[in-house]
Structures are given as structure tokens and as C-alpha cells.
Amino acid sequence: MISMKINGVSRQFHGDPDMPLLWYVRDELGLTGTKFGCGAALCGACTIHLDGEAVRSCVTPVSEANGKDVTTIEGLDADGNHPVQRAWRANNVPQCGYCQSGQIMSAAALLNENPDPSDEEIVDGMSGNICRCGTYQRIFSAVRTAAQEV
């Protein structure tokens, strides 16, 4: 049995310990804000936090979450008012929106680790998150806006 907290709620997993955490979160818990993109940790759509660190849940086995805190986009802020989420709205970031939960989770982890990142640190911290719509300028602006609130 694998025990973890997901968005503050204690959970027990009795299945295959090698199953990707993404599928447990989405298919078994119904937390569909975390998206499947590539299945190879290349696009960032599946980014969640594991003990506060941004990880790609499509390649993270459920066993890695044993005894840890997992945060999905649904648990970042119950009302959607985390500083990064507010900055995303203020900067009108989403276009199609598919990658945005992963982008937001990466930005939140970056700002948690470094509340005043340089421009280069923002670019580095957000690399690995792909936006097919190309909203990178707005994403950068939103991270800069959120950094002023953190």
C-alpha cells in the first residue's frame, strides 16, 4: 500500500506501484486539471508538485509519492487565487489553455524556490514547458507579475 496526501487529503493506493502518478490523479481521483501531453516528460503539461518540487507526473511512478505531499492544480489554491493564478488572469496568458496547468505549477514551484528570479532564471525555470500557442511572452510577464506578490 502506498500512502500520500493529495491536495491535503490522505490517500491510499493499492495498485501497481509503477503506474504513472498522472493516471492515479486523473483516472482514479478525477483530478483532471493535470493534463497528459507527451508521456515522456518533454512538454510539462502533467507538472504537479511532489513535496513542493515540480515533477512530471507522466513519468513519476505512484511509488515515488509514498509518504509525500502531492499538489495538483486543483490544490494550488482552492479558489484559484494563488499569486501565479491571479497573475495568469491579469496577463491574459491562456490561449487554448491545454498547457496552462503545467505552466502554472512550474511557475509556482519556481517562485517558491526563488521569489525574486532574474529574467534568465525565469526562462530557465520555465524551460521544458511547451506552449503550442506560443504565449511565452505572456507567460514570462505573468511570472514576473506573480514574483511581485510572492
N, C-alpha and C. Protein backbone atom coordinates (compact mmCIF):
# COMPACT_ATOMS: atom_id res chain seq x y z
N MET A 1 0.84 -1.18 0.00
CA MET A 1 0.00 0.00 0.00
C MET A 1 0.89 1.25 0.00
N ILE A 2 0.50 2.22 -0.80
CA ILE A 2 1.22 3.48 -0.90
C ILE A 2 0.34 4.56 -0.29
N SER A 3 0.90 5.31 0.64
CA SER A 3 0.16 6.38 1.31
C SER A 3 0.76 7.73 0.93
N MET A 4 -0.11 8.69 0.72
CA MET A 4 0.32 10.04 0.37
C MET A 4 -0.80 11.00 0.71
N LYS A 5 -0.48 12.27 0.66
CA LYS A 5 -1.51 13.31 0.76
C LYS A 5 -1.60 13.98 -0.60
N ILE A 6 -2.80 14.05 -1.12
CA ILE A 6 -3.02 14.74 -2.38
C ILE A 6 -3.93 15.93 -2.10
N ASN A 7 -3.38 17.11 -2.34
CA ASN A 7 -4.10 18.36 -2.07
C ASN A 7 -4.63 18.40 -0.63
N GLY A 8 -3.80 17.88 0.28
CA GLY A 8 -4.12 17.91 1.70
C GLY A 8 -4.96 16.76 2.21
N VAL A 9 -5.39 15.86 1.33
CA VAL A 9 -6.24 14.74 1.72
C VAL A 9 -5.41 13.45 1.71
N SER A 10 -5.45 12.71 2.80
CA SER A 10 -4.72 11.44 2.87
C SER A 10 -5.35 10.44 1.91
N ARG A 11 -4.49 9.76 1.16
CA ARG A 11 -4.94 8.78 0.17
C ARG A 11 -4.12 7.50 0.32
N GLN A 12 -4.74 6.39 -0.04
CA GLN A 12 -4.09 5.09 -0.03
C GLN A 12 -4.22 4.51 -1.43
N PHE A 13 -3.11 4.05 -1.98
CA PHE A 13 -3.13 3.45 -3.31
C PHE A 13 -2.73 1.99 -3.18
N HIS A 14 -3.54 1.10 -3.75
CA HIS A 14 -3.31 -0.34 -3.64
C HIS A 14 -2.96 -0.99 -4.97
N GLY A 15 -2.71 -0.21 -5.99
CA GLY A 15 -2.46 -0.76 -7.32
C GLY A 15 -0.98 -0.94 -7.63
N ASP A 16 -0.69 -0.94 -8.92
CA ASP A 16 0.67 -1.12 -9.44
C ASP A 16 1.53 0.07 -9.04
N PRO A 17 2.60 -0.13 -8.25
CA PRO A 17 3.43 0.98 -7.79
C PRO A 17 4.18 1.68 -8.93
N ASP A 18 4.26 1.04 -10.09
CA ASP A 18 4.95 1.63 -11.23
C ASP A 18 4.02 2.45 -12.12
N MET A 19 2.73 2.44 -11.81
CA MET A 19 1.79 3.23 -12.61
C MET A 19 2.15 4.71 -12.49
N PRO A 20 2.12 5.46 -13.59
CA PRO A 20 2.41 6.89 -13.50
C PRO A 20 1.42 7.61 -12.58
N LEU A 21 1.95 8.47 -11.78
CA LEU A 21 1.13 9.26 -10.85
C LEU A 21 0.04 10.03 -11.59
N LEU A 22 0.31 10.45 -12.81
CA LEU A 22 -0.68 11.15 -13.62
C LEU A 22 -1.98 10.36 -13.74
N TRP A 23 -1.87 9.06 -13.98
CA TRP A 23 -3.07 8.26 -14.18
C TRP A 23 -3.83 8.05 -12.88
N TYR A 24 -3.12 7.96 -11.77
CA TYR A 24 -3.82 7.87 -10.49
C TYR A 24 -4.59 9.15 -10.22
N VAL A 25 -3.93 10.29 -10.40
CA VAL A 25 -4.55 11.59 -10.14
C VAL A 25 -5.76 11.79 -11.06
N ARG A 26 -5.58 11.56 -12.35
CA ARG A 26 -6.65 11.82 -13.32
C ARG A 26 -7.75 10.76 -13.32
N ASP A 27 -7.34 9.51 -13.48
CA ASP A 27 -8.32 8.45 -13.71
C ASP A 27 -8.98 7.92 -12.44
N GLU A 28 -8.21 7.84 -11.36
CA GLU A 28 -8.79 7.27 -10.15
C GLU A 28 -9.34 8.32 -9.20
N LEU A 29 -8.72 9.51 -9.18
CA LEU A 29 -9.21 10.56 -8.28
C LEU A 29 -10.07 11.60 -8.99
N GLY A 30 -10.05 11.59 -10.32
CA GLY A 30 -10.87 12.52 -11.07
C GLY A 30 -10.37 13.96 -11.08
N LEU A 31 -9.09 14.15 -10.76
CA LEU A 31 -8.50 15.50 -10.77
C LEU A 31 -7.92 15.73 -12.17
N THR A 32 -8.75 16.19 -13.07
CA THR A 32 -8.38 16.25 -14.48
C THR A 32 -7.71 17.55 -14.91
N GLY A 33 -7.40 18.43 -13.98
CA GLY A 33 -6.67 19.65 -14.33
C GLY A 33 -5.26 19.37 -14.80
N THR A 34 -4.66 18.32 -14.29
CA THR A 34 -3.33 17.89 -14.73
C THR A 34 -3.51 17.16 -16.05
N LYS A 35 -2.80 17.59 -17.06
CA LYS A 35 -3.03 17.09 -18.42
C LYS A 35 -1.97 16.09 -18.87
N PHE A 36 -2.39 15.19 -19.76
CA PHE A 36 -1.46 14.30 -20.45
C PHE A 36 -1.07 15.01 -21.74
N GLY A 37 0.24 15.12 -21.96
CA GLY A 37 0.72 15.75 -23.19
C GLY A 37 1.52 14.79 -24.03
N CYS A 38 2.67 14.40 -23.53
CA CYS A 38 3.58 13.60 -24.35
C CYS A 38 3.87 12.22 -23.76
N GLY A 39 3.74 12.06 -22.47
CA GLY A 39 4.03 10.78 -21.82
C GLY A 39 5.51 10.49 -21.65
N ALA A 40 6.36 11.50 -21.94
CA ALA A 40 7.81 11.30 -21.86
C ALA A 40 8.52 12.43 -21.12
N ALA A 41 7.78 13.21 -20.35
CA ALA A 41 8.34 14.32 -19.55
C ALA A 41 8.99 15.39 -20.40
N LEU A 42 8.50 15.59 -21.61
CA LEU A 42 9.10 16.56 -22.52
C LEU A 42 8.31 17.86 -22.64
N CYS A 43 7.00 17.83 -22.34
CA CYS A 43 6.18 19.01 -22.62
C CYS A 43 5.76 19.79 -21.37
N GLY A 44 5.68 19.14 -20.22
CA GLY A 44 5.34 19.83 -18.98
C GLY A 44 3.87 19.95 -18.67
N ALA A 45 2.99 19.46 -19.54
CA ALA A 45 1.54 19.58 -19.30
C ALA A 45 1.10 18.84 -18.04
N CYS A 46 1.85 17.83 -17.64
CA CYS A 46 1.48 16.99 -16.49
C CYS A 46 2.17 17.43 -15.19
N THR A 47 2.73 18.61 -15.16
CA THR A 47 3.50 19.05 -13.98
C THR A 47 2.62 19.18 -12.74
N ILE A 48 3.10 18.56 -11.67
CA ILE A 48 2.49 18.66 -10.34
C ILE A 48 3.63 18.93 -9.36
N HIS A 49 3.28 19.10 -8.09
CA HIS A 49 4.30 19.26 -7.05
C HIS A 49 4.35 18.01 -6.19
N LEU A 50 5.55 17.56 -5.94
CA LEU A 50 5.80 16.44 -5.04
C LEU A 50 6.68 17.01 -3.94
N ASP A 51 6.10 17.15 -2.73
CA ASP A 51 6.78 17.83 -1.62
C ASP A 51 7.31 19.20 -2.07
N GLY A 52 6.49 19.91 -2.85
CA GLY A 52 6.82 21.27 -3.26
C GLY A 52 7.68 21.40 -4.50
N GLU A 53 8.20 20.29 -5.00
CA GLU A 53 9.06 20.32 -6.18
C GLU A 53 8.24 19.96 -7.42
N ALA A 54 8.45 20.72 -8.50
CA ALA A 54 7.76 20.43 -9.75
C ALA A 54 8.30 19.13 -10.36
N VAL A 55 7.38 18.21 -10.65
CA VAL A 55 7.76 16.94 -11.29
C VAL A 55 6.79 16.66 -12.42
N ARG A 56 7.24 15.87 -13.36
CA ARG A 56 6.40 15.45 -14.48
C ARG A 56 5.70 14.16 -14.06
N SER A 57 4.42 14.25 -13.84
CA SER A 57 3.67 13.12 -13.31
C SER A 57 3.48 11.98 -14.31
N CYS A 58 3.72 12.24 -15.60
CA CYS A 58 3.56 11.17 -16.59
C CYS A 58 4.67 10.13 -16.50
N VAL A 59 5.80 10.48 -15.89
CA VAL A 59 6.91 9.54 -15.76
C VAL A 59 7.28 9.29 -14.29
N THR A 60 6.49 9.84 -13.38
CA THR A 60 6.73 9.64 -11.95
C THR A 60 5.84 8.52 -11.46
N PRO A 61 6.42 7.40 -11.05
CA PRO A 61 5.57 6.30 -10.56
C PRO A 61 4.89 6.67 -9.25
N VAL A 62 3.72 6.11 -9.04
CA VAL A 62 2.97 6.35 -7.81
C VAL A 62 3.85 6.07 -6.60
N SER A 63 4.71 5.07 -6.69
CA SER A 63 5.58 4.71 -5.56
C SER A 63 6.46 5.88 -5.10
N GLU A 64 6.79 6.80 -6.01
CA GLU A 64 7.61 7.96 -5.65
C GLU A 64 6.87 8.90 -4.71
N ALA A 65 5.54 8.82 -4.68
CA ALA A 65 4.74 9.71 -3.84
C ALA A 65 4.52 9.15 -2.44
N ASN A 66 4.99 7.94 -2.18
CA ASN A 66 4.78 7.32 -0.87
C ASN A 66 5.31 8.22 0.25
N GLY A 67 4.43 8.57 1.17
CA GLY A 67 4.81 9.38 2.31
C GLY A 67 5.00 10.86 2.00
N LYS A 68 4.59 11.28 0.82
CA LYS A 68 4.83 12.67 0.40
C LYS A 68 3.53 13.43 0.19
N ASP A 69 3.69 14.73 0.04
CA ASP A 69 2.57 15.61 -0.29
C ASP A 69 2.57 15.86 -1.78
N VAL A 70 1.43 15.62 -2.41
CA VAL A 70 1.24 15.85 -3.83
C VAL A 70 0.27 17.02 -3.96
N THR A 71 0.64 17.98 -4.81
CA THR A 71 -0.25 19.10 -5.08
C THR A 71 -0.49 19.16 -6.58
N THR A 72 -1.77 19.16 -6.94
CA THR A 72 -2.16 19.33 -8.34
C THR A 72 -2.66 20.77 -8.51
N ILE A 73 -2.99 21.13 -9.73
CA ILE A 73 -3.50 22.47 -9.98
C ILE A 73 -4.75 22.74 -9.14
N GLU A 74 -5.56 21.71 -8.90
CA GLU A 74 -6.77 21.88 -8.09
C GLU A 74 -6.43 22.23 -6.64
N GLY A 75 -5.26 21.81 -6.17
CA GLY A 75 -4.88 22.04 -4.78
C GLY A 75 -3.96 23.23 -4.57
N LEU A 76 -3.57 23.89 -5.64
CA LEU A 76 -2.67 25.04 -5.50
C LEU A 76 -3.33 26.12 -4.67
N ASP A 77 -4.59 26.41 -4.97
CA ASP A 77 -5.41 27.32 -4.17
C ASP A 77 -6.86 26.93 -4.43
N ALA A 78 -7.60 26.66 -3.38
CA ALA A 78 -8.97 26.16 -3.52
C ALA A 78 -9.85 27.07 -4.36
N ASP A 79 -9.57 28.37 -4.33
CA ASP A 79 -10.39 29.33 -5.07
C ASP A 79 -9.73 29.82 -6.35
N GLY A 80 -8.59 29.24 -6.70
CA GLY A 80 -7.88 29.67 -7.90
C GLY A 80 -7.23 31.04 -7.75
N ASN A 81 -6.86 31.37 -6.52
CA ASN A 81 -6.29 32.69 -6.26
C ASN A 81 -4.85 32.67 -5.77
N HIS A 82 -4.12 31.64 -6.11
CA HIS A 82 -2.68 31.65 -5.84
C HIS A 82 -2.10 32.83 -6.62
N PRO A 83 -1.05 33.48 -6.13
CA PRO A 83 -0.48 34.62 -6.86
C PRO A 83 -0.18 34.33 -8.33
N VAL A 84 0.26 33.11 -8.63
CA VAL A 84 0.54 32.77 -10.03
C VAL A 84 -0.77 32.70 -10.82
N GLN A 85 -1.81 32.13 -10.25
CA GLN A 85 -3.08 32.05 -10.95
C GLN A 85 -3.67 33.44 -11.19
N ARG A 86 -3.56 34.31 -10.21
CA ARG A 86 -4.03 35.70 -10.40
C ARG A 86 -3.23 36.39 -11.49
N ALA A 87 -1.91 36.19 -11.48
CA ALA A 87 -1.05 36.82 -12.50
C ALA A 87 -1.38 36.27 -13.89
N TRP A 88 -1.72 35.00 -13.97
CA TRP A 88 -2.08 34.40 -15.26
C TRP A 88 -3.31 35.11 -15.83
N ARG A 89 -4.30 35.34 -14.95
CA ARG A 89 -5.51 36.04 -15.41
C ARG A 89 -5.20 37.49 -15.77
N ALA A 90 -4.43 38.16 -14.92
CA ALA A 90 -4.12 39.58 -15.16
C ALA A 90 -3.36 39.78 -16.46
N ASN A 91 -2.55 38.82 -16.84
CA ASN A 91 -1.75 38.92 -18.07
C ASN A 91 -2.39 38.21 -19.25
N ASN A 92 -3.63 37.73 -19.05
CA ASN A 92 -4.39 37.09 -20.13
C ASN A 92 -3.54 36.02 -20.84
N VAL A 93 -2.92 35.14 -20.04
CA VAL A 93 -1.98 34.17 -20.59
C VAL A 93 -2.62 33.10 -21.47
N PRO A 94 -3.65 32.39 -21.02
CA PRO A 94 -4.12 31.24 -21.80
C PRO A 94 -4.66 31.61 -23.17
N GLN A 95 -4.36 30.79 -24.10
CA GLN A 95 -4.98 30.87 -25.42
C GLN A 95 -5.84 29.62 -25.53
N CYS A 96 -5.28 28.48 -25.91
CA CYS A 96 -6.09 27.26 -25.90
C CYS A 96 -6.21 26.74 -24.47
N GLY A 97 -5.19 26.96 -23.64
CA GLY A 97 -5.24 26.61 -22.23
C GLY A 97 -4.73 25.23 -21.86
N TYR A 98 -4.47 24.37 -22.83
CA TYR A 98 -4.13 22.99 -22.51
C TYR A 98 -2.90 22.86 -21.63
N CYS A 99 -1.87 23.63 -21.90
CA CYS A 99 -0.61 23.51 -21.16
C CYS A 99 -0.60 24.31 -19.87
N GLN A 100 -1.62 25.12 -19.66
CA GLN A 100 -1.54 26.13 -18.61
C GLN A 100 -1.43 25.58 -17.19
N SER A 101 -2.09 24.48 -16.87
CA SER A 101 -1.95 23.97 -15.50
C SER A 101 -0.50 23.58 -15.23
N GLY A 102 0.15 22.96 -16.21
CA GLY A 102 1.56 22.61 -16.05
C GLY A 102 2.45 23.83 -15.97
N GLN A 103 2.14 24.84 -16.78
CA GLN A 103 2.90 26.10 -16.74
C GLN A 103 2.76 26.75 -15.37
N ILE A 104 1.53 26.81 -14.87
CA ILE A 104 1.27 27.44 -13.57
C ILE A 104 1.98 26.68 -12.45
N MET A 105 1.94 25.36 -12.49
CA MET A 105 2.59 24.57 -11.44
C MET A 105 4.11 24.75 -11.49
N SER A 106 4.69 24.85 -12.67
CA SER A 106 6.13 25.10 -12.79
C SER A 106 6.47 26.49 -12.27
N ALA A 107 5.67 27.47 -12.61
CA ALA A 107 5.92 28.84 -12.15
C ALA A 107 5.80 28.94 -10.63
N ALA A 108 4.79 28.28 -10.06
CA ALA A 108 4.61 28.31 -8.60
C ALA A 108 5.80 27.67 -7.89
N ALA A 109 6.30 26.56 -8.41
CA ALA A 109 7.47 25.91 -7.80
C ALA A 109 8.70 26.80 -7.93
N LEU A 110 8.86 27.41 -9.10
CA LEU A 110 9.99 28.32 -9.31
C LEU A 110 9.97 29.46 -8.29
N LEU A 111 8.81 30.09 -8.13
CA LEU A 111 8.72 31.24 -7.22
C LEU A 111 8.77 30.82 -5.76
N ASN A 112 8.37 29.62 -5.46
CA ASN A 112 8.51 29.11 -4.09
C ASN A 112 9.97 28.94 -3.74
N GLU A 113 10.75 28.49 -4.72
CA GLU A 113 12.18 28.28 -4.51
C GLU A 113 12.96 29.59 -4.61
N ASN A 114 12.52 30.47 -5.50
CA ASN A 114 13.23 31.72 -5.76
C ASN A 114 12.20 32.83 -5.99
N PRO A 115 11.81 33.55 -4.93
CA PRO A 115 10.75 34.54 -5.05
C PRO A 115 11.11 35.77 -5.89
N ASP A 116 12.36 35.96 -6.19
CA ASP A 116 12.77 37.12 -6.99
C ASP A 116 13.72 36.68 -8.10
N PRO A 117 13.22 35.89 -9.05
CA PRO A 117 14.11 35.37 -10.09
C PRO A 117 14.49 36.44 -11.11
N SER A 118 15.68 36.30 -11.64
CA SER A 118 16.11 37.16 -12.74
C SER A 118 15.39 36.70 -14.01
N ASP A 119 15.50 37.49 -15.05
CA ASP A 119 14.88 37.10 -16.32
C ASP A 119 15.41 35.75 -16.79
N GLU A 120 16.71 35.56 -16.68
CA GLU A 120 17.32 34.29 -17.09
C GLU A 120 16.82 33.14 -16.24
N GLU A 121 16.65 33.36 -14.94
CA GLU A 121 16.16 32.30 -14.05
C GLU A 121 14.70 31.94 -14.38
N ILE A 122 13.91 32.91 -14.80
CA ILE A 122 12.54 32.62 -15.22
C ILE A 122 12.56 31.75 -16.48
N VAL A 123 13.36 32.15 -17.45
CA VAL A 123 13.46 31.37 -18.69
C VAL A 123 13.93 29.96 -18.38
N ASP A 124 14.96 29.82 -17.55
CA ASP A 124 15.48 28.50 -17.18
C ASP A 124 14.44 27.69 -16.41
N GLY A 125 13.78 28.36 -15.46
CA GLY A 125 12.80 27.67 -14.62
C GLY A 125 11.57 27.20 -15.37
N MET A 126 11.24 27.89 -16.45
CA MET A 126 10.06 27.53 -17.23
C MET A 126 10.39 26.67 -18.44
N SER A 127 11.69 26.47 -18.69
CA SER A 127 12.06 25.64 -19.85
C SER A 127 11.55 24.22 -19.61
N GLY A 128 11.20 23.57 -20.66
CA GLY A 128 10.62 22.23 -20.53
C GLY A 128 9.11 22.25 -20.50
N ASN A 129 8.52 23.43 -20.41
CA ASN A 129 7.07 23.58 -20.52
C ASN A 129 6.80 24.15 -21.91
N ILE A 130 6.12 23.37 -22.72
CA ILE A 130 5.86 23.77 -24.10
C ILE A 130 4.44 24.33 -24.22
N CYS A 131 4.35 25.44 -24.94
CA CYS A 131 3.05 26.05 -25.25
C CYS A 131 2.92 26.06 -26.77
N ARG A 132 2.02 25.23 -27.27
CA ARG A 132 1.84 25.16 -28.73
C ARG A 132 1.30 26.46 -29.29
N CYS A 133 0.62 27.24 -28.48
CA CYS A 133 0.06 28.51 -28.96
C CYS A 133 1.10 29.62 -28.96
N GLY A 134 2.22 29.39 -28.30
CA GLY A 134 3.31 30.37 -28.30
C GLY A 134 3.08 31.58 -27.41
N THR A 135 2.43 31.37 -26.27
CA THR A 135 2.16 32.50 -25.37
C THR A 135 3.33 32.78 -24.42
N TYR A 136 4.53 32.49 -24.84
CA TYR A 136 5.69 32.61 -23.96
C TYR A 136 5.89 34.02 -23.41
N GLN A 137 5.64 35.06 -24.19
CA GLN A 137 5.79 36.43 -23.70
C GLN A 137 4.83 36.69 -22.55
N ARG A 138 3.58 36.25 -22.69
CA ARG A 138 2.59 36.44 -21.63
C ARG A 138 2.92 35.59 -20.41
N ILE A 139 3.43 34.36 -20.64
CA ILE A 139 3.84 33.50 -19.52
C ILE A 139 4.95 34.19 -18.74
N PHE A 140 5.95 34.70 -19.45
CA PHE A 140 7.06 35.39 -18.80
C PHE A 140 6.54 36.57 -17.99
N SER A 141 5.68 37.38 -18.59
CA SER A 141 5.11 38.54 -17.91
C SER A 141 4.33 38.14 -16.66
N ALA A 142 3.59 37.05 -16.75
CA ALA A 142 2.81 36.58 -15.61
C ALA A 142 3.72 36.12 -14.47
N VAL A 143 4.79 35.43 -14.80
CA VAL A 143 5.74 35.00 -13.75
C VAL A 143 6.35 36.24 -13.09
N ARG A 144 6.70 37.22 -13.88
CA ARG A 144 7.27 38.47 -13.34
C ARG A 144 6.23 39.16 -12.44
N THR A 145 4.96 39.20 -12.87
CA THR A 145 3.89 39.80 -12.07
C THR A 145 3.72 39.04 -10.75
N ALA A 146 3.66 37.72 -10.83
CA ALA A 146 3.48 36.91 -9.62
C ALA A 146 4.64 37.08 -8.65
N ALA A 147 5.84 37.25 -9.18
CA ALA A 147 7.01 37.43 -8.32
C ALA A 147 6.89 38.68 -7.47
N GLN A 148 6.17 39.66 -7.93
CA GLN A 148 5.97 40.89 -7.16
C GLN A 148 5.04 40.66 -5.99
N GLU A 149 4.21 39.61 -6.05
CA GLU A 149 3.26 39.30 -4.98
C GLU A 149 3.78 38.30 -3.97
N VAL A 150 4.73 37.48 -4.38
CA VAL A 150 5.18 36.38 -3.51
C VAL A 150 6.06 36.91 -2.41
